[in-house]
Amino acid sequence: MTDWRKDVYADSDWLHHWDIEGSSPVTVTIEGYAHKEAFNPGTKEKGVLWALSFKGATKALGVNVTNGELIEQHLGSDRNAWIGQQVTLRTAVCKGDKCIRVDAMKGAKLPAKCPRFEYTDGGAA
């Protein structure tokens, strides 16, 4: 079954789970970060989202609390030090919806405030 959103968001500037499905996990190199304008369907308002760009990629990954915490555990809290470093992106299910999660390396511990998720690409969380 094809998710209708895949076609609607095909030209989106944002990385979605269907962009990496079938090739997950995907290792990427962080090229930079920026604040980008985004539409929040929940509030139906535009806002600003913190985003990571990757070398060779045209789409950015919006950084939520969970992915931010996972990256911090891999690379530390200095976001400038993240540039040029690699992270692995994987497909997952969080709160019943498909999403992208940074790979939680062995021993990674998320704060209680972060929603729990399950990888869908066959790897262990």
N, C-alpha and C. Protein backbone atom coordinates (compact mmCIF):
# COMPACT_ATOMS: atom_id res chain seq x y z
N MET A 1 0.84 -1.18 0.00
CA MET A 1 0.00 0.00 0.00
C MET A 1 0.89 1.25 0.00
N THR A 2 0.55 2.21 -0.83
CA THR A 2 1.31 3.44 -0.92
C THR A 2 0.66 4.52 -0.07
N ASP A 3 1.45 5.14 0.79
CA ASP A 3 0.97 6.22 1.64
C ASP A 3 0.76 7.46 0.77
N TRP A 4 -0.43 8.03 0.76
CA TRP A 4 -0.76 9.19 -0.06
C TRP A 4 0.17 10.36 0.23
N ARG A 5 0.63 10.45 1.47
CA ARG A 5 1.50 11.57 1.85
C ARG A 5 2.84 11.52 1.13
N LYS A 6 3.25 10.31 0.73
CA LYS A 6 4.52 10.17 0.02
C LYS A 6 4.50 11.01 -1.26
N ASP A 7 3.39 10.99 -1.98
CA ASP A 7 3.27 11.79 -3.20
C ASP A 7 3.10 13.27 -2.89
N VAL A 8 2.31 13.58 -1.88
CA VAL A 8 2.05 14.98 -1.52
C VAL A 8 3.34 15.67 -1.07
N TYR A 9 4.15 14.96 -0.29
CA TYR A 9 5.37 15.55 0.25
C TYR A 9 6.62 15.22 -0.55
N ALA A 10 6.47 14.69 -1.76
CA ALA A 10 7.63 14.29 -2.57
C ALA A 10 8.59 15.45 -2.79
N ASP A 11 8.08 16.65 -2.93
CA ASP A 11 8.93 17.82 -3.16
C ASP A 11 9.25 18.59 -1.89
N SER A 12 8.95 18.01 -0.75
CA SER A 12 9.19 18.65 0.53
C SER A 12 10.69 18.84 0.78
N ASP A 13 11.03 19.88 1.51
CA ASP A 13 12.41 20.11 1.93
C ASP A 13 12.80 19.23 3.12
N TRP A 14 11.80 18.52 3.67
CA TRP A 14 12.01 17.73 4.89
C TRP A 14 12.14 16.25 4.59
N LEU A 15 13.00 15.59 5.32
CA LEU A 15 13.21 14.16 5.21
C LEU A 15 12.07 13.44 5.94
N HIS A 16 11.43 12.49 5.26
CA HIS A 16 10.35 11.70 5.84
C HIS A 16 10.75 10.22 5.84
N HIS A 17 10.04 9.43 6.60
CA HIS A 17 10.40 8.01 6.74
C HIS A 17 10.40 7.30 5.39
N TRP A 18 9.48 7.65 4.49
CA TRP A 18 9.43 6.95 3.20
C TRP A 18 10.65 7.27 2.33
N ASP A 19 11.36 8.34 2.66
CA ASP A 19 12.56 8.67 1.90
C ASP A 19 13.69 7.68 2.15
N ILE A 20 13.64 7.00 3.30
CA ILE A 20 14.71 6.03 3.59
C ILE A 20 14.20 4.60 3.72
N GLU A 21 12.88 4.40 3.64
CA GLU A 21 12.34 3.03 3.72
C GLU A 21 12.93 2.18 2.61
N GLY A 22 13.27 0.96 2.95
CA GLY A 22 13.86 0.06 1.98
C GLY A 22 15.38 0.15 1.95
N SER A 23 15.93 1.25 2.46
CA SER A 23 17.38 1.37 2.52
C SER A 23 17.85 1.64 3.95
N SER A 24 16.93 1.62 4.89
CA SER A 24 17.24 1.85 6.30
C SER A 24 17.94 0.62 6.88
N PRO A 25 18.99 0.79 7.66
CA PRO A 25 19.57 2.04 8.16
C PRO A 25 20.45 2.74 7.12
N VAL A 26 20.51 4.07 7.26
CA VAL A 26 21.28 4.90 6.35
C VAL A 26 22.25 5.75 7.18
N THR A 27 23.53 5.65 6.87
CA THR A 27 24.52 6.46 7.57
C THR A 27 24.76 7.73 6.77
N VAL A 28 24.68 8.87 7.45
CA VAL A 28 24.82 10.18 6.81
C VAL A 28 25.86 11.01 7.56
N THR A 29 26.41 11.99 6.86
CA THR A 29 27.38 12.90 7.46
C THR A 29 26.71 14.25 7.65
N ILE A 30 26.74 14.76 8.87
CA ILE A 30 26.11 16.05 9.17
C ILE A 30 26.92 17.17 8.52
N GLU A 31 26.21 17.98 7.73
CA GLU A 31 26.85 19.08 7.02
C GLU A 31 26.64 20.41 7.75
N GLY A 32 25.49 20.54 8.40
CA GLY A 32 25.21 21.79 9.10
C GLY A 32 23.86 21.74 9.80
N TYR A 33 23.50 22.87 10.38
CA TYR A 33 22.21 22.99 11.06
C TYR A 33 21.67 24.40 10.84
N ALA A 34 20.36 24.53 10.92
CA ALA A 34 19.73 25.83 10.72
C ALA A 34 18.31 25.78 11.26
N HIS A 35 17.75 26.93 11.49
CA HIS A 35 16.33 27.04 11.80
C HIS A 35 15.61 27.20 10.47
N LYS A 36 14.57 26.38 10.26
CA LYS A 36 13.81 26.43 9.02
C LYS A 36 12.34 26.61 9.33
N GLU A 37 11.66 27.34 8.46
CA GLU A 37 10.22 27.51 8.61
C GLU A 37 9.53 26.19 8.31
N ALA A 38 8.54 25.85 9.11
CA ALA A 38 7.81 24.60 8.94
C ALA A 38 6.34 24.82 9.31
N PHE A 39 5.47 23.99 8.74
CA PHE A 39 4.05 24.02 9.05
C PHE A 39 3.74 22.92 10.04
N ASN A 40 3.07 23.27 11.13
CA ASN A 40 2.69 22.30 12.14
C ASN A 40 1.23 21.90 11.90
N PRO A 41 0.98 20.67 11.41
CA PRO A 41 -0.40 20.28 11.13
C PRO A 41 -1.26 20.22 12.39
N GLY A 42 -0.65 20.01 13.54
CA GLY A 42 -1.41 19.94 14.79
C GLY A 42 -2.02 21.28 15.17
N THR A 43 -1.21 22.34 15.05
CA THR A 43 -1.69 23.68 15.41
C THR A 43 -2.19 24.45 14.19
N LYS A 44 -1.91 23.91 13.00
CA LYS A 44 -2.26 24.56 11.74
C LYS A 44 -1.62 25.94 11.60
N GLU A 45 -0.41 26.05 12.14
CA GLU A 45 0.33 27.30 12.08
C GLU A 45 1.75 27.05 11.59
N LYS A 46 2.34 28.10 11.01
CA LYS A 46 3.74 28.02 10.64
C LYS A 46 4.58 28.34 11.87
N GLY A 47 5.74 27.73 11.90
CA GLY A 47 6.66 27.98 12.99
C GLY A 47 8.07 27.74 12.50
N VAL A 48 9.00 27.63 13.44
CA VAL A 48 10.39 27.40 13.11
C VAL A 48 10.82 26.08 13.74
N LEU A 49 11.54 25.30 12.96
CA LEU A 49 12.02 24.00 13.41
C LEU A 49 13.53 23.95 13.22
N TRP A 50 14.22 23.39 14.16
CA TRP A 50 15.66 23.22 14.07
C TRP A 50 15.92 22.03 13.17
N ALA A 51 16.82 22.16 12.20
CA ALA A 51 17.01 21.11 11.20
C ALA A 51 18.49 20.83 10.95
N LEU A 52 18.78 19.57 10.63
CA LEU A 52 20.12 19.16 10.24
C LEU A 52 20.15 18.92 8.74
N SER A 53 21.23 19.35 8.10
CA SER A 53 21.44 19.03 6.70
C SER A 53 22.58 18.01 6.62
N PHE A 54 22.55 17.21 5.55
CA PHE A 54 23.52 16.13 5.39
C PHE A 54 24.24 16.26 4.06
N LYS A 55 25.50 15.88 4.03
CA LYS A 55 26.29 15.93 2.79
C LYS A 55 25.63 15.06 1.73
N GLY A 56 25.47 15.64 0.54
CA GLY A 56 24.91 14.91 -0.59
C GLY A 56 23.40 14.77 -0.57
N ALA A 57 22.73 15.31 0.44
CA ALA A 57 21.27 15.18 0.55
C ALA A 57 20.60 16.51 0.24
N THR A 58 19.39 16.44 -0.27
CA THR A 58 18.64 17.66 -0.57
C THR A 58 17.60 17.97 0.50
N LYS A 59 17.31 17.00 1.36
CA LYS A 59 16.29 17.20 2.38
C LYS A 59 16.93 17.28 3.77
N ALA A 60 16.30 18.07 4.63
CA ALA A 60 16.79 18.25 6.00
C ALA A 60 15.96 17.40 6.96
N LEU A 61 16.57 17.04 8.08
CA LEU A 61 15.87 16.30 9.13
C LEU A 61 15.51 17.26 10.24
N GLY A 62 14.20 17.39 10.51
CA GLY A 62 13.76 18.18 11.64
C GLY A 62 14.18 17.47 12.92
N VAL A 63 14.82 18.20 13.81
CA VAL A 63 15.34 17.57 15.04
C VAL A 63 14.34 17.74 16.17
N ASN A 64 13.76 16.60 16.57
CA ASN A 64 12.87 16.62 17.73
C ASN A 64 13.69 16.26 18.97
N VAL A 65 13.06 16.25 20.13
CA VAL A 65 13.77 16.01 21.39
C VAL A 65 14.44 14.63 21.38
N THR A 66 13.74 13.61 20.92
CA THR A 66 14.29 12.26 20.94
C THR A 66 15.54 12.15 20.08
N ASN A 67 15.45 12.60 18.82
CA ASN A 67 16.62 12.53 17.95
C ASN A 67 17.75 13.42 18.46
N GLY A 68 17.42 14.57 18.99
CA GLY A 68 18.45 15.45 19.56
C GLY A 68 19.19 14.77 20.71
N GLU A 69 18.44 14.10 21.59
CA GLU A 69 19.06 13.39 22.71
C GLU A 69 19.94 12.25 22.23
N LEU A 70 19.47 11.51 21.21
CA LEU A 70 20.26 10.40 20.69
C LEU A 70 21.56 10.90 20.04
N ILE A 71 21.47 11.99 19.28
CA ILE A 71 22.68 12.55 18.67
C ILE A 71 23.64 13.03 19.77
N GLU A 72 23.10 13.68 20.79
CA GLU A 72 23.94 14.16 21.88
C GLU A 72 24.69 13.00 22.55
N GLN A 73 24.04 11.86 22.71
CA GLN A 73 24.71 10.71 23.32
C GLN A 73 25.83 10.19 22.44
N HIS A 74 25.68 10.31 21.12
CA HIS A 74 26.74 9.87 20.20
C HIS A 74 27.88 10.87 20.12
N LEU A 75 27.51 12.16 20.00
CA LEU A 75 28.49 13.17 19.59
C LEU A 75 28.73 14.28 20.61
N GLY A 76 28.02 14.27 21.72
CA GLY A 76 28.17 15.32 22.71
C GLY A 76 27.17 16.44 22.49
N SER A 77 27.17 17.42 23.39
CA SER A 77 26.16 18.48 23.35
C SER A 77 26.56 19.68 22.49
N ASP A 78 27.81 19.77 22.05
CA ASP A 78 28.27 20.89 21.22
C ASP A 78 27.85 20.65 19.78
N ARG A 79 26.81 21.33 19.33
CA ARG A 79 26.29 21.07 17.98
C ARG A 79 27.29 21.46 16.90
N ASN A 80 28.20 22.38 17.17
CA ASN A 80 29.22 22.71 16.18
C ASN A 80 30.16 21.52 15.96
N ALA A 81 30.36 20.72 16.98
CA ALA A 81 31.22 19.53 16.87
C ALA A 81 30.52 18.42 16.08
N TRP A 82 29.21 18.52 15.86
CA TRP A 82 28.48 17.51 15.10
C TRP A 82 28.82 17.58 13.61
N ILE A 83 29.18 18.77 13.14
CA ILE A 83 29.43 18.95 11.71
C ILE A 83 30.61 18.09 11.29
N GLY A 84 30.39 17.33 10.21
CA GLY A 84 31.40 16.41 9.71
C GLY A 84 31.35 15.02 10.33
N GLN A 85 30.51 14.86 11.35
CA GLN A 85 30.36 13.56 12.03
C GLN A 85 29.22 12.76 11.39
N GLN A 86 29.27 11.47 11.58
CA GLN A 86 28.25 10.60 11.00
C GLN A 86 27.26 10.12 12.06
N VAL A 87 26.01 9.98 11.62
CA VAL A 87 24.95 9.35 12.42
C VAL A 87 24.21 8.39 11.49
N THR A 88 23.54 7.44 12.09
CA THR A 88 22.76 6.49 11.31
C THR A 88 21.28 6.75 11.54
N LEU A 89 20.53 6.89 10.45
CA LEU A 89 19.09 7.12 10.50
C LEU A 89 18.38 5.82 10.21
N ARG A 90 17.29 5.57 10.96
CA ARG A 90 16.52 4.34 10.79
C ARG A 90 15.04 4.65 10.80
N THR A 91 14.26 3.78 10.15
CA THR A 91 12.81 3.91 10.22
C THR A 91 12.33 3.33 11.55
N ALA A 92 11.28 3.92 12.08
CA ALA A 92 10.76 3.50 13.38
C ALA A 92 9.27 3.82 13.46
N VAL A 93 8.65 3.34 14.53
CA VAL A 93 7.26 3.70 14.85
C VAL A 93 7.29 4.35 16.23
N CYS A 94 6.69 5.54 16.30
CA CYS A 94 6.61 6.28 17.55
C CYS A 94 5.18 6.79 17.70
N LYS A 95 4.56 6.48 18.81
CA LYS A 95 3.16 6.89 19.05
C LYS A 95 2.24 6.42 17.94
N GLY A 96 2.53 5.25 17.35
CA GLY A 96 1.69 4.67 16.33
C GLY A 96 1.94 5.15 14.91
N ASP A 97 2.83 6.13 14.73
CA ASP A 97 3.14 6.67 13.40
C ASP A 97 4.56 6.32 13.00
N LYS A 98 4.76 6.14 11.70
CA LYS A 98 6.12 5.91 11.20
C LYS A 98 6.91 7.20 11.29
N CYS A 99 8.21 7.04 11.53
CA CYS A 99 9.07 8.21 11.67
C CYS A 99 10.51 7.83 11.38
N ILE A 100 11.41 8.78 11.51
CA ILE A 100 12.84 8.53 11.42
C ILE A 100 13.43 8.73 12.81
N ARG A 101 14.25 7.79 13.22
CA ARG A 101 14.97 7.91 14.48
C ARG A 101 16.45 7.71 14.22
N VAL A 102 17.26 8.46 14.94
CA VAL A 102 18.70 8.23 14.93
C VAL A 102 18.93 6.90 15.64
N ASP A 103 19.91 6.15 15.16
CA ASP A 103 20.22 4.86 15.76
C ASP A 103 20.67 5.06 17.21
N ALA A 104 20.03 4.34 18.11
CA ALA A 104 20.41 4.38 19.52
C ALA A 104 21.52 3.37 19.74
N MET A 105 22.73 3.86 19.79
CA MET A 105 23.87 2.96 19.96
C MET A 105 23.72 2.20 21.28
N LYS A 106 24.36 1.08 21.33
CA LYS A 106 24.29 0.24 22.53
C LYS A 106 24.60 1.08 23.76
N GLY A 107 23.73 0.98 24.76
CA GLY A 107 23.92 1.70 26.00
C GLY A 107 23.26 3.07 26.03
N ALA A 108 22.67 3.51 24.93
CA ALA A 108 22.01 4.83 24.90
C ALA A 108 20.81 4.80 25.84
N LYS A 109 20.67 5.87 26.60
CA LYS A 109 19.55 5.98 27.55
C LYS A 109 18.82 7.28 27.30
N LEU A 110 17.56 7.15 26.94
CA LEU A 110 16.74 8.34 26.69
C LEU A 110 16.09 8.80 27.99
N PRO A 111 15.96 10.12 28.16
CA PRO A 111 15.22 10.63 29.32
C PRO A 111 13.77 10.17 29.27
N ALA A 112 13.14 10.11 30.39
CA ALA A 112 11.74 9.66 30.49
C ALA A 112 10.81 10.51 29.64
N LYS A 113 11.15 11.79 29.42
CA LYS A 113 10.28 12.68 28.64
C LYS A 113 10.24 12.33 27.16
N CYS A 114 11.20 11.55 26.67
CA CYS A 114 11.24 11.19 25.26
C CYS A 114 10.29 10.04 24.98
N PRO A 115 9.45 10.16 23.94
CA PRO A 115 8.54 9.07 23.59
C PRO A 115 9.31 7.81 23.20
N ARG A 116 8.79 6.68 23.59
CA ARG A 116 9.42 5.41 23.23
C ARG A 116 9.08 5.07 21.79
N PHE A 117 9.95 4.30 21.16
CA PHE A 117 9.78 3.97 19.75
C PHE A 117 10.33 2.59 19.50
N GLU A 118 10.01 2.06 18.32
CA GLU A 118 10.50 0.75 17.91
C GLU A 118 10.97 0.85 16.47
N TYR A 119 12.20 0.41 16.22
CA TYR A 119 12.72 0.42 14.85
C TYR A 119 11.94 -0.58 14.01
N THR A 120 11.73 -0.24 12.74
CA THR A 120 10.96 -1.12 11.84
C THR A 120 11.84 -1.76 10.77
N ASP A 121 13.14 -1.51 10.84
CA ASP A 121 14.04 -2.05 9.81
C ASP A 121 14.73 -3.34 10.23
N GLY A 122 14.22 -3.97 11.29
CA GLY A 122 14.74 -5.27 11.70
C GLY A 122 15.83 -5.21 12.75
N GLY A 123 16.40 -4.06 13.00
CA GLY A 123 17.45 -3.94 14.01
C GLY A 123 16.86 -3.78 15.39
N ALA A 124 17.69 -4.00 16.39
CA ALA A 124 17.25 -3.86 17.78
C ALA A 124 17.37 -2.41 18.22
N ALA A 125 16.45 -1.99 19.08
CA ALA A 125 16.49 -0.64 19.63
C ALA A 125 17.39 -0.58 20.84
